[in-house]
């Protein structure tokens, strides 16, 4: 797997060092993966009195949880119109309520465990074509009238200057309930909280296999964990560990840059109200200011194992389409990461047998949803299955062609939508 030299890694505190798994260990619950899903699950389960071991193939924060854009958005990855049409109004309402609770859960964890992660308020969702303005405005009204949600406002074209100095957009939704943060600092805070709660974390310990049954034995090269329950929290890094769920997700790579610290004038041009921003493109651009006034900008994807040779240049082209005034701004960092999408862009939760649980497929909505997944799995393992089952029972399909042939189909589809963004 590719290493990452990111602004997040350089600006976060020195990570806690966790040993590799050695010898034979026992716990009530074994979790594979030390990202948001794994650490939130571990923390919530430990607080319910379970003994928990987390096994991480690389290091805490190595995957998407330590590399993402840091947006903590309300709702689901799909809008309420889609959810109502596909699943009915009752399920759509349940998903909406859980989406709000997911953001609140992130905020509550930060407050409870005193996590210093540069938390800020608000996300602006920008229309990159004028035809999308009416849709954004209608959605604001729909949420107000049908979900009693009044923390979103439609911003007309003329008022966009109050938020950013760019000619690239035609209108926007101002979502005042959503948050943004430093994703690696947040993850490190979860890791410290989980350790304090009694969770044991092992790094550099790739899981090679596990046995099934009433007692599960999880094996790495140098040790084993025997547990009553197993939680697979690998997301885009599941690879061949569990073929029964691998075909439901598609790992894709997304890329981010960080500029040098901006002058106050340029920082105000980028985000006058210090909100995070994202646009309506299928392959979205997303950005925010860091605590030290750097622009953290994500743009562009690829659908193969390797990253572009020049990530800074690859992402910079998208940045300059929005902010040409940054032409002479130095780019200090460029990095990539792997996330997992599903066909319907809804999370893929479930279990294999009675005691193997999986949570994956956040489709770019992982900070709140993966954190909330940990809360749901703790409820489910404790015997309260209703909310976990609401998501796990959503209709879902594997990618056509399975893991071997899903790539060509996805590439063709993504290229089509990327072209549609440009014309």
Protein backbone atom coordinates (compact mmCIF):
# COMPACT_ATOMS: atom_id res chain seq x y z
CA UNK A 1 0.00 0.00 0.00
CA UNK A 2 1.17 3.51 -0.76
CA UNK A 3 2.53 5.65 2.05
CA UNK A 4 1.24 9.18 2.45
CA UNK A 5 3.00 12.47 3.20
CA UNK A 6 0.05 14.67 4.12
CA UNK A 7 -0.54 17.97 5.84
CA UNK A 8 -2.65 16.07 8.34
CA UNK A 9 0.21 13.78 9.34
CA UNK A 10 2.62 16.70 9.71
CA UNK A 11 0.22 18.90 11.72
CA UNK A 12 -1.18 16.24 14.07
CA UNK A 13 0.41 15.22 17.33
CA UNK A 14 2.88 12.37 17.31
CA UNK A 15 0.72 9.25 17.15
CA UNK A 16 0.53 6.79 19.98
CA UNK A 17 2.60 3.71 19.23
CA UNK A 18 0.82 0.38 19.47
CA UNK A 19 2.67 -2.95 19.42
CA UNK A 20 2.10 -5.72 16.86
CA UNK A 21 -0.02 -8.68 17.88
CA UNK A 22 2.05 -11.54 19.26
CA UNK A 23 0.99 -14.76 20.89
CA UNK A 24 -2.53 -15.89 21.67
CA UNK A 25 -4.95 -13.29 23.03
CA UNK A 26 -8.62 -13.39 24.07
CA UNK A 27 -11.40 -10.79 24.12
CA UNK A 28 -15.16 -10.59 23.94
CA UNK A 29 -14.92 -8.81 20.60
CA UNK A 30 -12.21 -8.58 17.95
CA UNK A 31 -12.30 -5.67 15.48
CA UNK A 32 -10.28 -5.62 12.25
CA UNK A 33 -9.38 -2.08 11.21
CA UNK A 34 -8.40 1.00 13.24
CA UNK A 35 -10.17 3.75 11.32
CA UNK A 36 -13.31 5.62 12.40
CA UNK A 37 -15.45 2.48 12.18
CA UNK A 38 -13.12 0.28 14.18
CA UNK A 39 -12.18 2.78 16.87
CA UNK A 40 -15.70 4.14 17.32
CA UNK A 41 -16.99 0.57 17.57
CA UNK A 42 -14.29 -0.31 20.08
CA UNK A 43 -14.97 2.77 22.21
CA UNK A 44 -18.75 2.30 22.27
CA UNK A 45 -18.43 -1.41 23.02
CA UNK A 46 -15.87 -0.87 25.78
CA UNK A 47 -18.17 1.67 27.38
CA UNK A 48 -20.80 -1.08 27.52
CA UNK A 49 -18.42 -3.32 29.41
CA UNK A 50 -17.03 -5.57 26.66
CA UNK A 51 -13.35 -6.46 26.38
CA UNK A 52 -12.20 -5.39 22.91
CA UNK A 53 -9.11 -5.96 20.77
CA UNK A 54 -8.52 -3.94 17.58
CA UNK A 55 -6.12 -5.29 14.95
CA UNK A 56 -4.73 -2.90 12.33
CA UNK A 57 -2.73 -4.02 9.28
CA UNK A 58 -0.77 -0.76 9.06
CA UNK A 59 -0.97 2.05 11.64
CA UNK A 60 -3.85 3.95 13.20
CA UNK A 61 -4.98 6.53 10.65
CA UNK A 62 -3.21 4.94 7.69
CA UNK A 63 -6.37 4.60 5.58
CA UNK A 64 -9.11 7.01 4.54
CA UNK A 65 -9.83 8.04 8.13
CA UNK A 66 -6.47 9.82 8.28
CA UNK A 67 -6.49 11.30 4.80
CA UNK A 68 -10.00 12.60 3.95
CA UNK A 69 -11.41 16.09 3.46
CA UNK A 70 -12.70 16.37 7.01
CA UNK A 71 -16.31 17.19 6.10
CA UNK A 72 -18.90 16.05 8.65
CA UNK A 73 -22.13 16.35 6.68
CA UNK A 74 -25.70 15.71 7.77
CA UNK A 75 -27.98 13.22 6.04
CA UNK A 76 -26.85 10.33 3.88
CA UNK A 77 -24.77 10.25 0.72
CA UNK A 78 -28.06 10.25 -1.26
CA UNK A 79 -30.66 12.98 -0.80
CA UNK A 80 -34.06 12.57 0.81
CA UNK A 81 -35.89 12.55 -2.55
CA UNK A 82 -33.96 9.43 -3.54
CA UNK A 83 -34.45 7.78 -0.16
CA UNK A 84 -38.18 8.45 -0.16
CA UNK A 85 -38.58 7.06 -3.68
CA UNK A 86 -36.44 3.98 -3.11
CA UNK A 87 -37.35 3.00 0.43
CA UNK A 88 -40.53 4.86 1.39
CA UNK A 89 -41.09 7.86 3.63
CA UNK A 90 -40.85 6.00 6.95
CA UNK A 91 -37.43 4.51 6.22
CA UNK A 92 -36.28 7.79 4.65
CA UNK A 93 -37.25 9.58 7.85
CA UNK A 94 -35.37 7.05 9.96
CA UNK A 95 -32.26 7.49 7.81
CA UNK A 96 -32.56 11.27 8.04
CA UNK A 97 -32.79 11.16 11.81
CA UNK A 98 -29.75 8.88 12.01
CA UNK A 99 -27.85 11.21 9.67
CA UNK A 100 -28.44 14.11 12.05
CA UNK A 101 -27.51 11.95 15.02
CA UNK A 102 -24.29 10.91 13.28
CA UNK A 103 -23.08 14.52 13.17
CA UNK A 104 -24.19 15.03 16.78
CA UNK A 105 -22.30 11.86 17.75
CA UNK A 106 -19.06 13.25 16.31
CA UNK A 107 -19.59 16.50 18.18
CA UNK A 108 -20.44 14.73 21.45
CA UNK A 109 -17.36 12.50 21.23
CA UNK A 110 -15.15 15.53 20.64
CA UNK A 111 -16.64 17.32 23.64
CA UNK A 112 -16.70 14.29 25.96
CA UNK A 113 -13.13 13.23 25.27
CA UNK A 114 -11.68 16.75 24.82
CA UNK A 115 -10.43 16.04 21.29
CA UNK A 116 -8.59 19.02 19.81
CA UNK A 117 -9.31 18.62 16.10
CA UNK A 118 -9.89 22.15 14.73
CA UNK A 119 -13.68 21.72 14.75
CA UNK A 120 -15.58 24.32 12.72
CA UNK A 121 -19.20 24.85 11.65
CA UNK A 122 -20.96 24.83 8.28
CA UNK A 123 -20.75 23.42 4.76
CA UNK A 124 -21.66 25.29 1.56
CA UNK A 125 -22.97 23.09 -1.28
CA UNK A 126 -22.38 24.96 -4.56
CA UNK A 127 -24.18 24.63 -7.91
CA UNK A 128 -21.63 24.37 -10.73
CA UNK A 129 -24.42 24.73 -13.34
CA UNK A 130 -27.31 27.20 -13.17
CA UNK A 131 -29.80 24.38 -13.82
CA UNK A 132 -28.98 22.90 -10.40
CA UNK A 133 -29.96 26.05 -8.50
CA UNK A 134 -33.68 25.28 -8.51
CA UNK A 135 -32.97 21.76 -7.24
CA UNK A 136 -30.92 23.08 -4.34
CA UNK A 137 -33.56 25.65 -3.46
CA UNK A 138 -36.36 23.08 -3.65
CA UNK A 139 -34.44 20.73 -1.39
CA UNK A 140 -34.09 23.45 1.25
CA UNK A 141 -37.88 23.91 1.21
CA UNK A 142 -38.52 20.17 1.20
CA UNK A 143 -36.39 19.65 4.29
CA UNK A 144 -38.03 22.58 6.04
CA UNK A 145 -41.60 21.46 5.35
CA UNK A 146 -41.28 17.67 5.57
CA UNK A 147 -38.43 17.21 8.07
CA UNK A 148 -38.81 20.38 10.16
CA UNK A 149 -35.18 21.19 9.39
CA UNK A 150 -34.48 24.92 9.45
CA UNK A 151 -30.68 24.97 9.58
CA UNK A 152 -30.22 25.14 5.81
CA UNK A 153 -30.57 28.28 3.69
CA UNK A 154 -30.52 28.82 -0.08
CA UNK A 155 -27.95 31.39 -1.23
CA UNK A 156 -28.65 33.33 -4.43
CA UNK A 157 -25.92 34.03 -6.97
CA UNK A 158 -25.47 37.64 -5.87
CA UNK A 159 -24.98 36.60 -2.25
CA UNK A 160 -22.23 34.06 -2.98
CA UNK A 161 -19.67 36.85 -2.69
CA UNK A 162 -20.33 36.79 1.05
CA UNK A 163 -18.81 33.29 1.12
CA UNK A 164 -16.17 33.07 -1.63
CA UNK A 165 -14.55 35.08 -4.40
CA UNK A 166 -15.16 32.84 -7.41
CA UNK A 167 -17.09 33.02 -10.66
CA UNK A 168 -17.44 29.24 -10.91
CA UNK A 169 -20.82 28.87 -9.18
CA UNK A 170 -24.42 30.02 -9.53
CA UNK A 171 -26.06 29.41 -6.15
CA UNK A 172 -25.66 27.29 -3.05
CA UNK A 173 -27.13 25.63 0.00
CA UNK A 174 -25.69 26.87 3.26
CA UNK A 175 -25.88 23.96 5.68
CA UNK A 176 -25.33 25.39 9.15
CA UNK A 177 -25.73 22.04 10.98
CA UNK A 178 -22.79 20.27 9.36
CA UNK A 179 -19.23 20.47 10.64
CA UNK A 180 -15.66 20.15 9.41
CA UNK A 181 -12.48 19.17 11.23
CA UNK A 182 -8.93 17.84 11.08
CA UNK A 183 -9.65 14.17 10.38
CA UNK A 184 -6.42 12.67 11.71
CA UNK A 185 -6.50 14.66 14.96
CA UNK A 186 -10.08 13.46 15.43
CA UNK A 187 -9.06 9.85 14.79
CA UNK A 188 -6.13 10.10 17.19
CA UNK A 189 -8.55 11.41 19.79
CA UNK A 190 -10.80 8.39 19.27
CA UNK A 191 -7.80 6.10 19.64
CA UNK A 192 -6.78 7.72 22.94
CA UNK A 193 -10.34 7.56 24.23
CA UNK A 194 -10.65 3.88 23.26
CA UNK A 195 -7.34 3.03 24.96
CA UNK A 196 -8.42 4.87 28.09
CA UNK A 197 -11.66 2.85 28.07
CA UNK A 198 -9.64 -0.37 28.11
CA UNK A 199 -9.44 -1.24 24.42
CA UNK A 200 -6.26 -3.02 23.27
CA UNK A 201 -4.94 -1.91 19.87
CA UNK A 202 -2.36 -3.78 17.79
CA UNK A 203 -0.70 -2.19 14.74
CA UNK A 204 1.37 -3.69 11.89
CA UNK A 205 -0.67 -6.88 12.27
CA UNK A 206 -2.39 -7.87 9.04
CA UNK A 207 -5.18 -10.40 9.52
CA UNK A 208 -4.53 -13.42 7.29
CA UNK A 209 -7.59 -15.52 8.09
CA UNK A 210 -10.20 -16.33 10.69
CA UNK A 211 -12.24 -19.36 11.63
CA UNK A 212 -16.00 -19.28 12.11
CA UNK A 213 -18.17 -20.73 14.84
CA UNK A 214 -19.39 -19.83 18.31
CA UNK A 215 -15.77 -18.95 19.08
CA UNK A 216 -13.87 -17.08 16.34
CA UNK A 217 -10.10 -17.36 15.98
CA UNK A 218 -8.46 -14.47 14.10
CA UNK A 219 -4.92 -15.12 12.86
CA UNK A 220 -2.04 -12.82 11.91
CA UNK A 221 1.52 -13.84 11.08
CA UNK A 222 2.63 -13.70 14.71
CA UNK A 223 -0.48 -14.13 16.84
CA UNK A 224 -4.14 -14.95 17.25
CA UNK A 225 -7.19 -13.45 18.92
CA UNK A 226 -10.04 -15.66 20.09
CA UNK A 227 -13.34 -13.82 20.49
CA UNK A 228 -17.08 -14.36 20.63
CA UNK A 229 -17.80 -11.63 18.04
CA UNK A 230 -15.85 -10.30 15.05
CA UNK A 231 -16.33 -6.85 13.49
CA UNK A 232 -14.87 -6.26 10.01
CA UNK A 233 -14.11 -2.53 9.79
CA UNK A 234 -11.78 -2.53 6.78
CA UNK A 235 -13.91 -0.63 4.23
CA UNK A 236 -11.84 0.01 1.07
CA UNK A 237 -9.00 -2.13 2.39
CA UNK A 238 -10.97 -5.37 2.85
CA UNK A 239 -9.38 -6.87 -0.31
CA UNK A 240 -9.49 -10.70 -0.19
CA UNK A 241 -10.04 -11.10 3.54
CA UNK A 242 -13.79 -11.67 3.15
CA UNK A 243 -14.95 -12.45 -0.44
CA UNK A 244 -18.59 -12.65 0.62
CA UNK A 245 -18.76 -8.87 1.11
CA UNK A 246 -15.92 -7.61 -1.10
CA UNK A 247 -18.04 -7.50 -4.25
CA UNK A 248 -20.51 -5.02 -2.75
CA UNK A 249 -17.96 -2.21 -2.66
CA UNK A 250 -15.62 -0.57 -5.15
CA UNK A 251 -12.35 0.89 -3.84
CA UNK A 252 -11.52 4.17 -5.59
CA UNK A 253 -8.74 6.72 -5.05
CA UNK A 254 -9.32 10.38 -4.29
CA UNK A 255 -6.70 13.14 -4.08
CA UNK A 256 -6.07 16.18 -1.92
CA UNK A 257 -3.60 19.07 -1.76
CA UNK A 258 -2.69 21.61 0.89
CA UNK A 259 -1.36 25.03 -0.04
CA UNK A 260 1.10 27.15 1.87
CA UNK A 261 -0.57 29.29 4.59
CA UNK A 262 -2.61 31.95 2.84
CA UNK A 263 -2.61 35.66 3.52
CA UNK A 264 -5.71 36.95 5.32
CA UNK A 265 -6.87 38.46 2.03
CA UNK A 266 -6.59 35.18 0.11
CA UNK A 267 -8.09 33.19 2.97
CA UNK A 268 -11.14 35.46 2.93
CA UNK A 269 -11.40 35.04 -0.85
CA UNK A 270 -11.36 31.26 -0.45
CA UNK A 271 -13.87 31.06 2.42
CA UNK A 272 -14.96 34.34 3.95
CA UNK A 273 -17.06 32.61 6.62
CA UNK A 274 -14.66 29.71 7.19
CA UNK A 275 -17.18 27.13 6.03
CA UNK A 276 -16.21 23.96 4.23
CA UNK A 277 -17.36 23.79 0.61
CA UNK A 278 -18.26 21.19 -1.98
CA UNK A 279 -19.93 21.35 -5.38
CA UNK A 280 -22.56 19.51 -7.41
CA UNK A 281 -20.19 17.73 -9.77
CA UNK A 282 -20.48 13.95 -9.91
CA UNK A 283 -16.77 13.80 -9.11
CA UNK A 284 -17.00 16.57 -6.57
CA UNK A 285 -14.52 19.22 -5.60
CA UNK A 286 -14.39 19.82 -1.84
CA UNK A 287 -12.32 22.17 0.27
CA UNK A 288 -11.88 24.09 3.49
CA UNK A 289 -9.35 26.21 5.34
CA UNK A 290 -7.08 24.61 7.90
CA UNK A 291 -6.44 26.09 11.32
CA UNK A 292 -3.34 27.84 9.92
CA UNK A 293 -5.13 29.22 6.83
CA UNK A 294 -4.00 26.64 4.29
CA UNK A 295 -6.47 25.64 1.61
CA UNK A 296 -7.17 21.91 1.88
CA UNK A 297 -8.61 21.05 -1.54
CA UNK A 298 -9.80 17.69 -2.84
CA UNK A 299 -10.45 17.06 -6.53
CA UNK A 300 -10.13 14.26 -9.04
CA UNK A 301 -10.20 10.49 -8.75
CA UNK A 302 -8.77 7.44 -10.40
CA UNK A 303 -9.94 3.86 -10.51
CA UNK A 304 -6.72 1.85 -10.48
CA UNK A 305 -4.31 0.80 -7.77
CA UNK A 306 -1.68 3.46 -8.40
CA UNK A 307 -1.73 7.19 -7.67
CA UNK A 308 -0.75 9.90 -10.20
CA UNK A 309 2.98 10.59 -10.24
CA UNK A 310 2.33 14.31 -9.57
CA UNK A 311 -0.61 14.51 -7.17
CA UNK A 312 -0.04 18.22 -6.50
CA UNK A 313 -0.32 19.07 -10.20
CA UNK A 314 -3.23 16.65 -10.69
CA UNK A 315 -5.36 18.37 -8.03
CA UNK A 316 -4.10 21.92 -8.67
CA UNK A 317 -5.85 22.07 -12.04
CA UNK A 318 -9.23 21.66 -10.33
CA UNK A 319 -8.37 24.24 -7.67
CA UNK A 320 -7.46 26.87 -10.28
CA UNK A 321 -10.75 26.39 -12.11
CA UNK A 322 -12.41 27.75 -8.98
CA UNK A 323 -9.72 30.08 -7.62
CA UNK A 324 -7.50 31.40 -10.47
CA UNK A 325 -6.15 33.99 -8.01
CA UNK A 326 -4.17 31.13 -6.41
CA UNK A 327 -2.04 30.71 -9.55
CA UNK A 328 1.11 31.78 -7.72
CA UNK A 329 0.31 30.04 -4.43
CA UNK A 330 2.74 27.32 -3.43
CA UNK A 331 1.41 23.80 -3.00
CA UNK A 332 3.08 22.23 0.02
CA UNK A 333 1.40 18.82 0.12
CA UNK A 334 -0.36 16.42 -2.20
CA UNK A 335 -1.67 13.01 -1.16
CA UNK A 336 -4.19 10.34 -2.04
CA UNK A 337 -6.30 7.74 -0.30
CA UNK A 338 -8.65 4.88 -0.95
CA UNK A 339 -12.33 4.93 -0.10
CA UNK A 340 -15.11 2.47 -0.88
CA UNK A 341 -18.32 3.24 -2.75
CA UNK A 342 -21.43 1.11 -3.22
CA UNK A 343 -23.67 0.95 -6.27
CA UNK A 344 -26.45 2.93 -4.59
CA UNK A 345 -24.01 5.05 -2.50
CA UNK A 346 -25.66 3.86 0.72
CA UNK A 347 -23.61 2.21 3.48
CA UNK A 348 -23.40 -1.59 3.37
CA UNK A 349 -23.89 -3.08 6.84
CA UNK A 350 -24.73 -6.66 7.80
CA UNK A 351 -23.56 -9.86 9.40
CA UNK A 352 -22.39 -13.29 8.35
CA UNK A 353 -23.90 -15.94 10.53
CA UNK A 354 -24.61 -14.85 14.09
CA UNK A 355 -21.37 -13.24 15.17
CA UNK A 356 -19.44 -11.75 12.22
CA UNK A 357 -20.44 -8.14 11.57
CA UNK A 358 -19.35 -5.82 8.76
CA UNK A 359 -19.65 -2.08 8.13
CA UNK A 360 -18.40 -0.58 4.87
CA UNK A 361 -19.20 1.43 1.74
CA UNK A 362 -19.48 4.98 3.09
CA UNK A 363 -19.13 6.44 -0.42
CA UNK A 364 -17.38 9.64 0.63
CA UNK A 365 -19.57 10.29 3.68
CA UNK A 366 -17.39 8.45 6.13
CA UNK A 367 -16.52 10.83 8.96
CA UNK A 368 -20.04 10.98 10.45
CA UNK A 369 -21.40 7.70 9.10
CA UNK A 370 -18.45 5.52 10.12
CA UNK A 371 -18.40 7.12 13.57
CA UNK A 372 -22.12 6.45 13.93
CA UNK A 373 -21.61 2.88 12.67
CA UNK A 374 -19.62 2.24 15.82
CA UNK A 375 -22.57 3.35 17.92
CA UNK A 376 -24.93 1.10 15.94
CA UNK A 377 -22.71 -1.99 16.20
CA UNK A 378 -22.49 -1.53 19.97
CA UNK A 379 -26.28 -1.39 20.12
CA UNK A 380 -26.63 -4.46 17.89
CA UNK A 381 -24.11 -6.65 19.72
CA UNK A 382 -25.82 -5.68 22.97
CA UNK A 383 -29.07 -7.04 21.56
CA UNK A 384 -30.79 -3.88 20.29
CA UNK A 385 -30.88 -4.54 16.55
CA UNK A 386 -33.57 -2.20 15.25
CA UNK A 387 -31.43 0.64 13.96
CA UNK A 388 -28.64 -1.58 12.68
CA UNK A 389 -31.24 -3.66 10.85
CA UNK A 390 -32.84 -0.58 9.28
CA UNK A 391 -29.61 -0.02 7.34
CA UNK A 392 -28.58 -3.66 6.89
CA UNK A 393 -31.99 -4.49 5.37
CA UNK A 394 -31.74 -1.81 2.65
CA UNK A 395 -31.72 -3.47 -0.78
CA UNK A 396 -28.18 -3.67 -2.14
CA UNK A 397 -26.46 -5.30 -5.10
CA UNK A 398 -22.98 -6.46 -5.92
CA UNK A 399 -21.04 -4.72 -8.65
CA UNK A 400 -21.62 -6.53 -11.96
CA UNK A 401 -18.85 -8.95 -12.81
CA UNK A 402 -17.71 -9.40 -9.23
CA UNK A 403 -14.32 -8.21 -8.02
CA UNK A 404 -12.57 -9.16 -11.28
CA UNK A 405 -14.76 -7.27 -13.75
CA UNK A 406 -16.20 -4.48 -11.60
CA UNK A 407 -13.29 -2.13 -12.46
CA UNK A 408 -13.91 -1.78 -16.23
CA UNK A 409 -17.60 -1.12 -15.72
CA UNK A 410 -17.00 1.40 -12.98
CA UNK A 411 -14.32 3.20 -14.98
CA UNK A 412 -16.68 3.53 -17.95
CA UNK A 413 -19.44 4.85 -15.75
CA UNK A 414 -17.24 7.31 -13.88
CA UNK A 415 -15.71 8.62 -17.10
CA UNK A 416 -19.19 9.20 -18.49
CA UNK A 417 -20.25 11.26 -15.46
CA UNK A 418 -16.92 13.12 -15.39
CA UNK A 419 -17.51 14.07 -19.03
CA UNK A 420 -21.06 15.15 -18.20
CA UNK A 421 -19.65 17.47 -15.52
CA UNK A 422 -17.64 19.27 -18.17
CA UNK A 423 -20.29 19.77 -20.86
